[in-house]
């Protein structure tokens, strides 16, 4: 076999990874937004749709927690209710700094049970407890996915080392797949450390 030939396994791996990357880019293009708070206003920019929304704090009635499913992980979502009957969802699938946004909103606006229905003290307590439980369950699932990903990356590295010692050597396909796997490994380690810090923060908060 020529050194530059792609094996069937390498082609399959590249196709699968390309599909995941393409799906991720499409999702980001559809969902990506930025949220900022300036001069008692909430400003939402939809980056790829070239849309901008500004809301005075006085027009924000409140918020409630929800979730959105993107198997195998459920993502946390905040539904913000405005006085013009518009609702906007912000999730940790869309924002790397979602939890900073969540803290800001949680500390400044009222929790709603449903649209135009404020939560009473008991409902607020239950909502906060469910929010923490959701975070802890989500962290467990994210770690499980990361562990599974590491196992697959380990398999790729093992196949690469095995290929190097074989007659075919290190083909272009194996090299590309290994580089992509290495990049994914670095990103997954960063994600793992962030989730570890988030769990420590939640645990410390719960013990106070």
N, C-alpha and C. Protein backbone atom coordinates (compact mmCIF):
# COMPACT_ATOMS: atom_id res chain seq x y z
N UNK A 1 0.85 -1.20 0.00
CA UNK A 1 0.00 0.00 0.00
C UNK A 1 0.87 1.24 0.00
N UNK A 2 0.52 2.22 -0.83
CA UNK A 2 1.29 3.46 -0.89
C UNK A 2 1.13 4.24 0.40
N UNK A 3 2.18 4.90 0.81
CA UNK A 3 2.18 5.62 2.08
C UNK A 3 1.12 6.70 2.15
N UNK A 4 0.77 7.26 1.00
CA UNK A 4 -0.19 8.36 0.98
C UNK A 4 -1.63 7.91 0.79
N UNK A 5 -1.82 6.60 0.65
CA UNK A 5 -3.17 6.09 0.46
C UNK A 5 -3.97 6.21 1.75
N UNK A 6 -5.25 6.52 1.61
CA UNK A 6 -6.16 6.57 2.75
C UNK A 6 -6.77 5.20 2.93
N UNK A 7 -6.72 4.68 4.15
CA UNK A 7 -7.40 3.44 4.44
C UNK A 7 -8.87 3.70 4.66
N UNK A 8 -9.69 2.65 4.56
CA UNK A 8 -11.14 2.81 4.74
C UNK A 8 -11.46 3.34 6.13
N UNK A 9 -10.71 2.85 7.14
CA UNK A 9 -10.97 3.30 8.51
C UNK A 9 -10.68 4.78 8.69
N UNK A 10 -9.57 5.25 8.07
CA UNK A 10 -9.22 6.66 8.19
C UNK A 10 -10.26 7.55 7.49
N UNK A 11 -10.70 7.11 6.30
CA UNK A 11 -11.70 7.89 5.56
C UNK A 11 -12.99 7.98 6.37
N UNK A 12 -13.40 6.85 6.95
CA UNK A 12 -14.62 6.84 7.77
C UNK A 12 -14.48 7.78 8.96
N UNK A 13 -13.31 7.72 9.62
CA UNK A 13 -13.09 8.59 10.77
C UNK A 13 -13.15 10.05 10.42
N UNK A 14 -12.52 10.42 9.29
CA UNK A 14 -12.51 11.82 8.86
C UNK A 14 -13.92 12.28 8.50
N UNK A 15 -14.68 11.42 7.83
CA UNK A 15 -16.06 11.76 7.45
C UNK A 15 -16.91 12.00 8.70
N UNK A 16 -16.78 11.10 9.68
CA UNK A 16 -17.56 11.23 10.91
C UNK A 16 -17.20 12.52 11.65
N UNK A 17 -15.90 12.78 11.79
CA UNK A 17 -15.47 14.00 12.47
C UNK A 17 -15.91 15.25 11.70
N UNK A 18 -15.86 15.18 10.38
CA UNK A 18 -16.29 16.32 9.56
C UNK A 18 -17.77 16.61 9.75
N UNK A 19 -18.57 15.54 9.88
CA UNK A 19 -20.00 15.71 10.10
C UNK A 19 -20.25 16.40 11.43
N UNK A 20 -19.52 15.98 12.48
CA UNK A 20 -19.68 16.60 13.79
C UNK A 20 -19.28 18.07 13.75
N UNK A 21 -18.16 18.36 13.08
CA UNK A 21 -17.70 19.75 12.99
C UNK A 21 -18.70 20.60 12.22
N UNK A 22 -19.19 20.08 11.09
CA UNK A 22 -20.16 20.81 10.28
C UNK A 22 -21.45 21.06 11.04
N UNK A 23 -21.92 20.03 11.76
CA UNK A 23 -23.13 20.18 12.56
C UNK A 23 -22.94 21.24 13.63
N UNK A 24 -21.77 21.23 14.26
CA UNK A 24 -21.48 22.23 15.28
C UNK A 24 -21.46 23.64 14.73
N UNK A 25 -20.86 23.81 13.55
CA UNK A 25 -20.80 25.14 12.93
C UNK A 25 -22.19 25.64 12.55
N UNK A 26 -23.03 24.73 12.04
CA UNK A 26 -24.40 25.10 11.67
C UNK A 26 -25.18 25.52 12.91
N UNK A 27 -25.01 24.76 14.00
CA UNK A 27 -25.71 25.08 15.24
C UNK A 27 -25.28 26.44 15.78
N UNK A 28 -23.97 26.71 15.72
CA UNK A 28 -23.47 27.99 16.19
C UNK A 28 -24.02 29.13 15.34
N UNK A 29 -24.06 28.91 14.03
CA UNK A 29 -24.57 29.94 13.13
C UNK A 29 -26.03 30.26 13.42
N UNK A 30 -26.80 29.24 13.78
CA UNK A 30 -28.23 29.44 14.03
C UNK A 30 -28.49 30.04 15.41
N UNK A 31 -27.64 29.69 16.38
CA UNK A 31 -27.96 30.03 17.76
C UNK A 31 -27.10 31.12 18.38
N UNK A 32 -25.91 31.34 17.83
CA UNK A 32 -24.95 32.21 18.51
C UNK A 32 -25.50 33.61 18.74
N UNK A 33 -25.41 34.05 19.98
CA UNK A 33 -25.82 35.40 20.37
C UNK A 33 -24.82 35.91 21.40
N UNK A 34 -24.77 37.21 21.55
CA UNK A 34 -24.02 37.79 22.66
C UNK A 34 -25.00 38.58 23.52
N UNK A 35 -24.77 38.54 24.81
CA UNK A 35 -25.61 39.27 25.76
C UNK A 35 -24.72 40.18 26.59
N UNK A 36 -25.12 41.42 26.70
CA UNK A 36 -24.39 42.36 27.54
C UNK A 36 -25.38 43.22 28.31
N UNK A 37 -24.92 43.77 29.42
CA UNK A 37 -25.76 44.62 30.26
C UNK A 37 -25.07 45.97 30.42
N UNK A 38 -25.68 47.00 29.85
CA UNK A 38 -25.08 48.33 29.87
C UNK A 38 -26.15 49.39 30.12
N UNK A 39 -25.84 50.31 31.01
CA UNK A 39 -26.73 51.46 31.26
C UNK A 39 -28.17 51.03 31.52
N UNK A 40 -28.33 50.05 32.40
CA UNK A 40 -29.65 49.53 32.75
C UNK A 40 -30.40 48.99 31.54
N UNK A 41 -29.65 48.42 30.61
CA UNK A 41 -30.24 47.81 29.43
C UNK A 41 -29.63 46.43 29.22
N UNK A 42 -30.47 45.54 28.70
CA UNK A 42 -30.00 44.23 28.27
C UNK A 42 -29.90 44.27 26.75
N UNK A 43 -28.71 43.99 26.23
CA UNK A 43 -28.47 44.08 24.79
C UNK A 43 -28.15 42.69 24.25
N UNK A 44 -28.94 42.25 23.28
CA UNK A 44 -28.75 40.94 22.67
C UNK A 44 -28.39 41.12 21.20
N UNK A 45 -27.25 40.58 20.81
CA UNK A 45 -26.83 40.60 19.41
C UNK A 45 -26.87 39.18 18.86
N UNK A 46 -27.58 38.98 17.77
CA UNK A 46 -27.57 37.70 17.07
C UNK A 46 -26.50 37.82 15.98
N UNK A 47 -25.35 37.26 16.26
CA UNK A 47 -24.15 37.53 15.46
C UNK A 47 -24.35 37.23 13.99
N UNK A 48 -24.76 36.01 13.67
CA UNK A 48 -24.82 35.59 12.28
C UNK A 48 -26.11 36.01 11.58
N UNK A 49 -27.06 36.55 12.35
CA UNK A 49 -28.30 37.01 11.74
C UNK A 49 -28.36 38.53 11.66
N UNK A 50 -27.30 39.17 12.12
CA UNK A 50 -27.19 40.63 12.06
C UNK A 50 -28.41 41.32 12.68
N UNK A 51 -28.83 40.81 13.85
CA UNK A 51 -29.96 41.40 14.56
C UNK A 51 -29.51 41.87 15.94
N UNK A 52 -30.12 42.95 16.39
CA UNK A 52 -29.77 43.52 17.70
C UNK A 52 -31.06 43.92 18.42
N UNK A 53 -31.14 43.52 19.68
CA UNK A 53 -32.30 43.86 20.49
C UNK A 53 -31.82 44.56 21.77
N UNK A 54 -32.52 45.61 22.15
CA UNK A 54 -32.22 46.32 23.39
C UNK A 54 -33.47 46.39 24.24
N UNK A 55 -33.32 46.04 25.52
CA UNK A 55 -34.45 46.10 26.44
C UNK A 55 -34.03 46.83 27.71
N UNK A 56 -34.83 47.82 28.10
CA UNK A 56 -34.62 48.47 29.38
C UNK A 56 -34.93 47.47 30.49
N UNK A 57 -34.21 47.59 31.58
CA UNK A 57 -34.46 46.68 32.70
C UNK A 57 -35.92 46.75 33.16
N UNK A 58 -36.52 47.94 33.03
CA UNK A 58 -37.91 48.08 33.48
C UNK A 58 -38.88 47.27 32.61
N UNK A 59 -38.43 46.87 31.40
CA UNK A 59 -39.28 46.07 30.51
C UNK A 59 -39.11 44.57 30.73
N UNK A 60 -38.16 44.20 31.58
CA UNK A 60 -37.94 42.79 31.88
C UNK A 60 -38.80 42.42 33.08
N UNK A 61 -39.77 41.55 32.85
CA UNK A 61 -40.68 41.16 33.93
C UNK A 61 -40.02 40.19 34.90
N UNK A 62 -39.26 39.26 34.36
CA UNK A 62 -38.63 38.24 35.19
C UNK A 62 -38.10 37.11 34.33
N UNK A 63 -37.75 36.01 34.97
CA UNK A 63 -37.19 34.88 34.24
C UNK A 63 -37.60 33.57 34.90
N UNK A 64 -37.43 32.50 34.17
CA UNK A 64 -37.62 31.17 34.74
C UNK A 64 -36.61 30.22 34.11
N UNK A 65 -36.26 29.17 34.84
CA UNK A 65 -35.32 28.18 34.33
C UNK A 65 -36.04 27.14 33.49
N UNK A 66 -35.34 26.67 32.49
CA UNK A 66 -35.85 25.60 31.65
C UNK A 66 -34.65 24.79 31.17
N UNK A 67 -34.87 23.94 30.19
CA UNK A 67 -33.76 23.17 29.63
C UNK A 67 -34.04 22.88 28.16
N UNK A 68 -32.98 22.59 27.42
CA UNK A 68 -33.12 22.19 26.03
C UNK A 68 -32.31 20.92 25.83
N UNK A 69 -32.87 20.00 25.06
CA UNK A 69 -32.24 18.70 24.89
C UNK A 69 -31.36 18.68 23.65
N UNK A 70 -30.13 18.22 23.82
CA UNK A 70 -29.22 17.98 22.70
C UNK A 70 -28.46 16.72 23.07
N UNK A 71 -29.13 15.60 22.91
CA UNK A 71 -28.64 14.32 23.39
C UNK A 71 -27.16 14.10 23.06
N UNK A 72 -26.41 13.53 24.01
CA UNK A 72 -26.88 12.94 25.27
C UNK A 72 -26.92 13.92 26.45
N UNK A 73 -26.69 15.21 26.20
CA UNK A 73 -26.62 16.18 27.29
C UNK A 73 -27.81 17.13 27.22
N UNK A 74 -28.43 17.40 28.37
CA UNK A 74 -29.45 18.43 28.46
C UNK A 74 -28.78 19.73 28.88
N UNK A 75 -29.15 20.81 28.21
CA UNK A 75 -28.53 22.10 28.48
C UNK A 75 -29.48 23.01 29.25
N UNK A 76 -28.90 23.77 30.15
CA UNK A 76 -29.69 24.67 30.98
C UNK A 76 -30.08 25.90 30.17
N UNK A 77 -31.28 26.39 30.44
CA UNK A 77 -31.79 27.53 29.69
C UNK A 77 -32.51 28.49 30.63
N UNK A 78 -32.34 29.77 30.37
CA UNK A 78 -33.08 30.80 31.09
C UNK A 78 -34.06 31.43 30.11
N UNK A 79 -35.33 31.42 30.47
CA UNK A 79 -36.36 32.06 29.66
C UNK A 79 -36.65 33.43 30.27
N UNK A 80 -36.39 34.48 29.50
CA UNK A 80 -36.60 35.85 29.99
C UNK A 80 -37.92 36.38 29.44
N UNK A 81 -38.75 36.89 30.33
CA UNK A 81 -40.06 37.42 29.95
C UNK A 81 -40.01 38.95 29.89
N UNK A 82 -40.49 39.50 28.78
CA UNK A 82 -40.50 40.94 28.60
C UNK A 82 -41.94 41.46 28.59
N UNK A 83 -42.07 42.76 28.84
CA UNK A 83 -43.40 43.36 28.95
C UNK A 83 -44.17 43.35 27.63
N UNK A 84 -43.46 43.22 26.50
CA UNK A 84 -44.15 43.18 25.20
C UNK A 84 -44.54 41.76 24.80
N UNK A 85 -44.56 40.86 25.79
CA UNK A 85 -44.95 39.46 25.63
C UNK A 85 -43.94 38.63 24.83
N UNK A 86 -42.78 39.19 24.59
CA UNK A 86 -41.71 38.42 23.94
C UNK A 86 -40.96 37.63 25.01
N UNK A 87 -40.58 36.42 24.68
CA UNK A 87 -39.72 35.63 25.55
C UNK A 87 -38.47 35.24 24.76
N UNK A 88 -37.34 35.28 25.42
CA UNK A 88 -36.07 34.92 24.79
C UNK A 88 -35.36 33.90 25.66
N UNK A 89 -34.87 32.84 25.03
CA UNK A 89 -34.16 31.80 25.76
C UNK A 89 -32.65 31.94 25.60
N UNK A 90 -31.94 31.81 26.71
CA UNK A 90 -30.48 31.84 26.71
C UNK A 90 -30.00 30.55 27.35
N UNK A 91 -29.16 29.80 26.65
CA UNK A 91 -28.73 28.50 27.18
C UNK A 91 -27.22 28.39 27.25
N UNK A 92 -26.75 27.41 28.05
CA UNK A 92 -25.31 27.19 28.15
C UNK A 92 -24.78 26.43 26.94
N UNK A 93 -25.67 26.06 26.02
CA UNK A 93 -25.23 25.51 24.74
C UNK A 93 -24.70 26.63 23.84
N UNK A 94 -25.24 27.83 24.05
CA UNK A 94 -24.90 28.97 23.20
C UNK A 94 -23.75 29.81 23.73
N UNK A 95 -23.59 29.85 25.05
CA UNK A 95 -22.66 30.80 25.65
C UNK A 95 -21.64 30.11 26.54
N UNK A 96 -20.37 30.45 26.33
CA UNK A 96 -19.33 29.93 27.21
C UNK A 96 -19.39 30.57 28.58
N UNK A 97 -19.91 31.81 28.66
CA UNK A 97 -20.01 32.52 29.93
C UNK A 97 -21.45 32.54 30.45
N UNK A 98 -22.20 31.50 30.12
CA UNK A 98 -23.62 31.43 30.50
C UNK A 98 -23.82 31.64 31.99
N UNK A 99 -22.95 31.06 32.81
CA UNK A 99 -23.19 31.10 34.26
C UNK A 99 -22.95 32.49 34.84
N UNK A 100 -22.13 33.30 34.19
CA UNK A 100 -21.99 34.69 34.60
C UNK A 100 -23.26 35.46 34.26
N UNK A 101 -23.80 35.17 33.07
CA UNK A 101 -25.06 35.80 32.66
C UNK A 101 -26.18 35.38 33.62
N UNK A 102 -26.20 34.09 33.96
CA UNK A 102 -27.22 33.57 34.87
C UNK A 102 -27.15 34.26 36.23
N UNK A 103 -25.94 34.39 36.77
CA UNK A 103 -25.78 35.05 38.07
C UNK A 103 -26.27 36.49 38.03
N UNK A 104 -25.96 37.18 36.93
CA UNK A 104 -26.38 38.58 36.80
C UNK A 104 -27.90 38.67 36.79
N UNK A 105 -28.53 37.84 35.97
CA UNK A 105 -30.00 37.87 35.85
C UNK A 105 -30.65 37.44 37.16
N UNK A 106 -30.12 36.40 37.77
CA UNK A 106 -30.71 35.86 39.00
C UNK A 106 -30.67 36.87 40.14
N UNK A 107 -29.62 37.69 40.17
CA UNK A 107 -29.45 38.65 41.26
C UNK A 107 -30.19 39.96 41.04
N UNK A 108 -30.78 40.14 39.84
CA UNK A 108 -31.41 41.43 39.54
C UNK A 108 -32.89 41.34 39.15
N UNK A 109 -33.32 40.16 38.75
CA UNK A 109 -34.70 40.04 38.29
C UNK A 109 -35.44 38.94 39.03
N UNK A 110 -36.75 39.03 39.00
CA UNK A 110 -37.58 38.11 39.77
C UNK A 110 -37.75 36.78 39.04
N UNK A 111 -37.90 35.73 39.84
CA UNK A 111 -38.16 34.41 39.28
C UNK A 111 -39.66 34.28 39.02
N UNK A 112 -40.00 33.82 37.84
CA UNK A 112 -41.40 33.63 37.46
C UNK A 112 -41.73 32.14 37.45
N UNK A 113 -42.95 31.85 37.83
CA UNK A 113 -43.44 30.47 37.74
C UNK A 113 -43.91 30.18 36.32
N UNK A 114 -44.51 31.17 35.70
CA UNK A 114 -44.93 31.12 34.30
C UNK A 114 -45.06 32.57 33.85
N UNK A 115 -45.45 32.77 32.59
CA UNK A 115 -45.53 34.14 32.09
C UNK A 115 -46.51 34.97 32.92
N UNK A 116 -46.04 36.13 33.39
CA UNK A 116 -46.82 37.07 34.19
C UNK A 116 -47.28 36.48 35.53
N UNK A 117 -46.63 35.41 35.97
CA UNK A 117 -46.97 34.84 37.26
C UNK A 117 -45.69 34.69 38.08
N UNK A 118 -45.53 35.59 39.04
CA UNK A 118 -44.33 35.57 39.86
C UNK A 118 -44.36 34.37 40.81
N UNK A 119 -43.18 33.85 41.07
CA UNK A 119 -43.08 32.72 42.00
C UNK A 119 -43.11 33.24 43.43
N UNK A 120 -43.81 32.50 44.29
CA UNK A 120 -43.80 32.86 45.71
C UNK A 120 -42.52 32.31 46.35
N UNK A 121 -42.35 32.55 47.65
CA UNK A 121 -41.11 32.16 48.32
C UNK A 121 -40.84 30.66 48.23
N UNK A 122 -41.89 29.87 48.39
CA UNK A 122 -41.72 28.41 48.31
C UNK A 122 -41.32 27.99 46.90
N UNK A 123 -41.94 28.60 45.89
CA UNK A 123 -41.61 28.29 44.50
C UNK A 123 -40.17 28.70 44.17
N UNK A 124 -39.75 29.84 44.72
CA UNK A 124 -38.38 30.32 44.49
C UNK A 124 -37.37 29.33 45.08
N UNK A 125 -37.67 28.86 46.29
CA UNK A 125 -36.78 27.90 46.95
C UNK A 125 -36.68 26.61 46.13
N UNK A 126 -37.82 26.12 45.66
CA UNK A 126 -37.84 24.89 44.86
C UNK A 126 -37.10 25.10 43.54
N UNK A 127 -37.31 26.27 42.91
CA UNK A 127 -36.66 26.57 41.63
C UNK A 127 -35.14 26.61 41.78
N UNK A 128 -34.66 27.22 42.87
CA UNK A 128 -33.22 27.28 43.11
C UNK A 128 -32.63 25.89 43.36
N UNK A 129 -33.37 25.06 44.11
CA UNK A 129 -32.90 23.71 44.39
C UNK A 129 -32.84 22.87 43.10
N UNK A 130 -33.88 23.01 42.28
CA UNK A 130 -33.91 22.26 41.01
C UNK A 130 -32.79 22.73 40.08
N UNK A 131 -32.50 24.02 40.13
CA UNK A 131 -31.42 24.57 39.30
C UNK A 131 -30.08 23.94 39.68
N UNK A 132 -29.83 23.82 40.99
CA UNK A 132 -28.58 23.22 41.46
C UNK A 132 -28.52 21.74 41.11
N UNK A 133 -29.65 21.05 41.29
CA UNK A 133 -29.69 19.62 40.95
C UNK A 133 -29.43 19.41 39.46
N UNK A 134 -30.01 20.28 38.64
CA UNK A 134 -29.79 20.18 37.20
C UNK A 134 -28.31 20.35 36.87
N UNK A 135 -27.68 21.35 37.50
CA UNK A 135 -26.26 21.61 37.25
C UNK A 135 -25.41 20.39 37.60
N UNK A 136 -25.67 19.79 38.76
CA UNK A 136 -24.88 18.64 39.20
C UNK A 136 -25.09 17.43 38.29
N UNK A 137 -26.34 17.20 37.88
CA UNK A 137 -26.63 16.09 36.97
C UNK A 137 -25.98 16.33 35.61
N UNK A 138 -26.01 17.58 35.16
CA UNK A 138 -25.40 17.92 33.87
C UNK A 138 -23.89 17.69 33.91
N UNK A 139 -23.26 18.07 35.02
CA UNK A 139 -21.82 17.88 35.16
C UNK A 139 -21.47 16.40 35.07
N UNK A 140 -22.27 15.55 35.71
CA UNK A 140 -22.04 14.10 35.65
C UNK A 140 -22.11 13.60 34.21
N UNK A 141 -23.12 14.04 33.47
CA UNK A 141 -23.27 13.59 32.09
C UNK A 141 -22.15 14.11 31.20
N UNK A 142 -21.76 15.36 31.40
CA UNK A 142 -20.67 15.93 30.61
C UNK A 142 -19.38 15.16 30.86
N UNK A 143 -19.12 14.82 32.12
CA UNK A 143 -17.91 14.05 32.44
C UNK A 143 -17.96 12.66 31.81
N UNK A 144 -19.15 12.05 31.81
CA UNK A 144 -19.29 10.73 31.18
C UNK A 144 -18.98 10.81 29.69
N UNK A 145 -19.50 11.85 29.04
CA UNK A 145 -19.24 12.03 27.60
C UNK A 145 -17.75 12.26 27.36
N UNK A 146 -17.12 13.05 28.24
CA UNK A 146 -15.68 13.32 28.10
C UNK A 146 -14.88 12.04 28.27
N UNK A 147 -15.24 11.21 29.28
CA UNK A 147 -14.53 9.95 29.48
C UNK A 147 -14.66 9.04 28.25
N UNK A 148 -15.87 9.00 27.69
CA UNK A 148 -16.09 8.20 26.48
C UNK A 148 -15.25 8.72 25.32
N UNK A 149 -15.20 10.04 25.21
CA UNK A 149 -14.40 10.67 24.16
C UNK A 149 -12.92 10.35 24.33
N UNK A 150 -12.45 10.39 25.57
CA UNK A 150 -11.04 10.06 25.83
C UNK A 150 -10.73 8.62 25.44
N UNK A 151 -11.68 7.72 25.70
CA UNK A 151 -11.47 6.32 25.33
C UNK A 151 -11.35 6.18 23.81
N UNK A 152 -12.19 6.90 23.08
CA UNK A 152 -12.14 6.85 21.61
C UNK A 152 -10.84 7.46 21.09
N UNK A 153 -10.42 8.57 21.72
CA UNK A 153 -9.17 9.20 21.31
C UNK A 153 -7.99 8.28 21.59
N UNK A 154 -8.05 7.59 22.74
CA UNK A 154 -7.01 6.62 23.06
C UNK A 154 -6.93 5.52 22.01
N UNK A 155 -8.10 5.10 21.52
CA UNK A 155 -8.14 4.08 20.47
C UNK A 155 -7.50 4.60 19.19
N UNK A 156 -7.79 5.86 18.86
CA UNK A 156 -7.19 6.47 17.66
C UNK A 156 -5.67 6.51 17.78
N UNK A 157 -5.18 6.93 18.96
CA UNK A 157 -3.73 6.99 19.16
C UNK A 157 -3.10 5.59 19.08
N UNK A 158 -3.79 4.61 19.64
CA UNK A 158 -3.26 3.23 19.60
C UNK A 158 -3.19 2.73 18.16
N UNK A 159 -4.25 3.00 17.39
CA UNK A 159 -4.25 2.59 15.98
C UNK A 159 -3.17 3.31 15.19
N UNK A 160 -2.92 4.57 15.57
CA UNK A 160 -1.87 5.34 14.89
C UNK A 160 -0.50 4.72 15.17
N UNK A 161 -0.23 4.41 16.44
CA UNK A 161 1.05 3.79 16.79
C UNK A 161 1.20 2.42 16.13
N UNK A 162 0.09 1.70 16.09
CA UNK A 162 0.11 0.39 15.44
C UNK A 162 0.38 0.54 13.95
N UNK A 163 -0.21 1.59 13.34
CA UNK A 163 -0.01 1.83 11.92
C UNK A 163 1.42 2.22 11.60
N UNK A 164 2.03 3.01 12.50
CA UNK A 164 3.42 3.43 12.27
C UNK A 164 4.35 2.23 12.20
N UNK A 165 4.07 1.24 13.06
CA UNK A 165 4.94 0.06 13.10
C UNK A 165 4.63 -0.96 12.01
N UNK A 166 3.54 -0.70 11.25
CA UNK A 166 3.16 -1.63 10.19
C UNK A 166 3.85 -1.26 8.88
N UNK A 167 3.58 -2.04 7.87
CA UNK A 167 4.19 -1.80 6.56
C UNK A 167 3.69 -0.49 5.95
N UNK A 168 2.40 -0.19 6.15
CA UNK A 168 1.82 1.01 5.55
C UNK A 168 2.36 2.29 6.17
N UNK A 169 2.82 2.21 7.43
CA UNK A 169 3.38 3.38 8.09
C UNK A 169 2.32 4.41 8.44
N UNK A 170 2.76 5.65 8.65
CA UNK A 170 1.86 6.74 9.02
C UNK A 170 1.31 7.38 7.76
N UNK A 171 0.09 6.99 7.38
CA UNK A 171 -0.53 7.55 6.18
C UNK A 171 -1.08 8.94 6.46
N UNK A 172 -1.40 9.66 5.40
CA UNK A 172 -1.97 11.01 5.55
C UNK A 172 -3.28 10.96 6.34
N UNK A 173 -4.08 9.94 6.07
CA UNK A 173 -5.36 9.81 6.77
C UNK A 173 -5.18 9.65 8.26
N UNK A 174 -4.24 8.79 8.66
CA UNK A 174 -3.98 8.58 10.08
C UNK A 174 -3.43 9.85 10.72
N UNK A 175 -2.58 10.55 10.00
CA UNK A 175 -1.99 11.78 10.54
C UNK A 175 -3.06 12.84 10.79
N UNK A 176 -3.94 13.04 9.81
CA UNK A 176 -5.01 14.03 9.95
C UNK A 176 -5.94 13.67 11.10
N UNK A 177 -6.32 12.40 11.17
CA UNK A 177 -7.22 11.94 12.23
C UNK A 177 -6.57 12.10 13.60
N UNK A 178 -5.28 11.84 13.68
CA UNK A 178 -4.56 11.98 14.96
C UNK A 178 -4.48 13.43 15.39
N UNK A 179 -4.21 14.34 14.44
CA UNK A 179 -4.12 15.76 14.76
C UNK A 179 -5.47 16.28 15.25
N UNK A 180 -6.54 15.90 14.54
CA UNK A 180 -7.88 16.32 14.95
C UNK A 180 -8.21 15.78 16.35
N UNK A 181 -7.85 14.51 16.58
CA UNK A 181 -8.10 13.89 17.89
C UNK A 181 -7.32 14.61 18.99
N UNK A 182 -6.09 15.03 18.68
CA UNK A 182 -5.28 15.75 19.67
C UNK A 182 -5.91 17.09 20.02
N UNK A 183 -6.42 17.80 19.02
CA UNK A 183 -7.09 19.08 19.27
C UNK A 183 -8.34 18.88 20.12
N UNK A 184 -9.11 17.84 19.80
CA UNK A 184 -10.31 17.53 20.57
C UNK A 184 -9.94 17.17 22.01
N UNK A 185 -8.83 16.45 22.18
CA UNK A 185 -8.36 16.07 23.51
C UNK A 185 -8.04 17.31 24.35
N UNK A 186 -7.35 18.27 23.75
CA UNK A 186 -6.99 19.50 24.46
C UNK A 186 -8.24 20.26 24.89
N UNK A 187 -9.20 20.39 23.96
CA UNK A 187 -10.45 21.09 24.28
C UNK A 187 -11.25 20.37 25.35
N UNK A 188 -11.25 19.03 25.29
CA UNK A 188 -12.02 18.26 26.27
C UNK A 188 -11.40 18.34 27.66
N UNK A 189 -10.07 18.41 27.73
CA UNK A 189 -9.40 18.57 29.03
C UNK A 189 -9.75 19.93 29.64
N UNK A 190 -9.76 20.94 28.79
CA UNK A 190 -10.15 22.28 29.25
C UNK A 190 -11.59 22.27 29.77
N UNK A 191 -12.48 21.62 29.03
CA UNK A 191 -13.88 21.52 29.45
C UNK A 191 -14.00 20.75 30.76
N UNK A 192 -13.24 19.68 30.90
CA UNK A 192 -13.27 18.87 32.12
C UNK A 192 -12.86 19.70 33.33
N UNK A 193 -11.80 20.48 33.19
CA UNK A 193 -11.32 21.31 34.30
C UNK A 193 -12.34 22.39 34.67
N UNK A 194 -13.00 22.95 33.65
CA UNK A 194 -14.04 23.95 33.92
C UNK A 194 -15.22 23.35 34.68
N UNK A 195 -15.61 22.13 34.28
CA UNK A 195 -16.72 21.46 34.96
C UNK A 195 -16.34 21.07 36.38
N UNK A 196 -15.08 20.72 36.58
CA UNK A 196 -14.61 20.38 37.93
C UNK A 196 -14.70 21.60 38.84
N UNK A 197 -14.30 22.77 38.32
CA UNK A 197 -14.39 24.01 39.10
C UNK A 197 -15.85 24.36 39.39
N UNK A 198 -16.71 24.14 38.40
CA UNK A 198 -18.13 24.45 38.58
C UNK A 198 -18.74 23.58 39.67
N UNK A 199 -18.37 22.30 39.69
CA UNK A 199 -18.88 21.40 40.72
C UNK A 199 -18.39 21.81 42.10
N UNK A 200 -17.12 22.20 42.19
CA UNK A 200 -16.57 22.64 43.48
C UNK A 200 -17.31 23.87 43.99
N UNK A 201 -17.63 24.79 43.07
CA UNK A 201 -18.36 26.00 43.44
C UNK A 201 -19.76 25.67 43.92
N UNK A 202 -20.44 24.76 43.22
CA UNK A 202 -21.79 24.36 43.62
C UNK A 202 -21.79 23.64 44.96
N UNK A 203 -20.82 22.76 45.14
CA UNK A 203 -20.72 22.00 46.39
C UNK A 203 -20.43 22.92 47.56
N UNK A 204 -19.52 23.88 47.35
CA UNK A 204 -19.19 24.83 48.41
C UNK A 204 -20.39 25.69 48.76
N UNK A 205 -21.16 26.08 47.73
CA UNK A 205 -22.35 26.90 47.95
C UNK A 205 -23.41 26.14 48.73
N UNK A 206 -23.54 24.84 48.42
CA UNK A 206 -24.57 24.03 49.07
C UNK A 206 -24.25 23.75 50.53
N UNK A 207 -22.95 23.81 50.89
CA UNK A 207 -22.56 23.51 52.27
C UNK A 207 -22.56 24.74 53.16
N UNK A 208 -22.79 25.91 52.53
CA UNK A 208 -22.79 27.13 53.33
C UNK A 208 -24.07 27.25 54.15
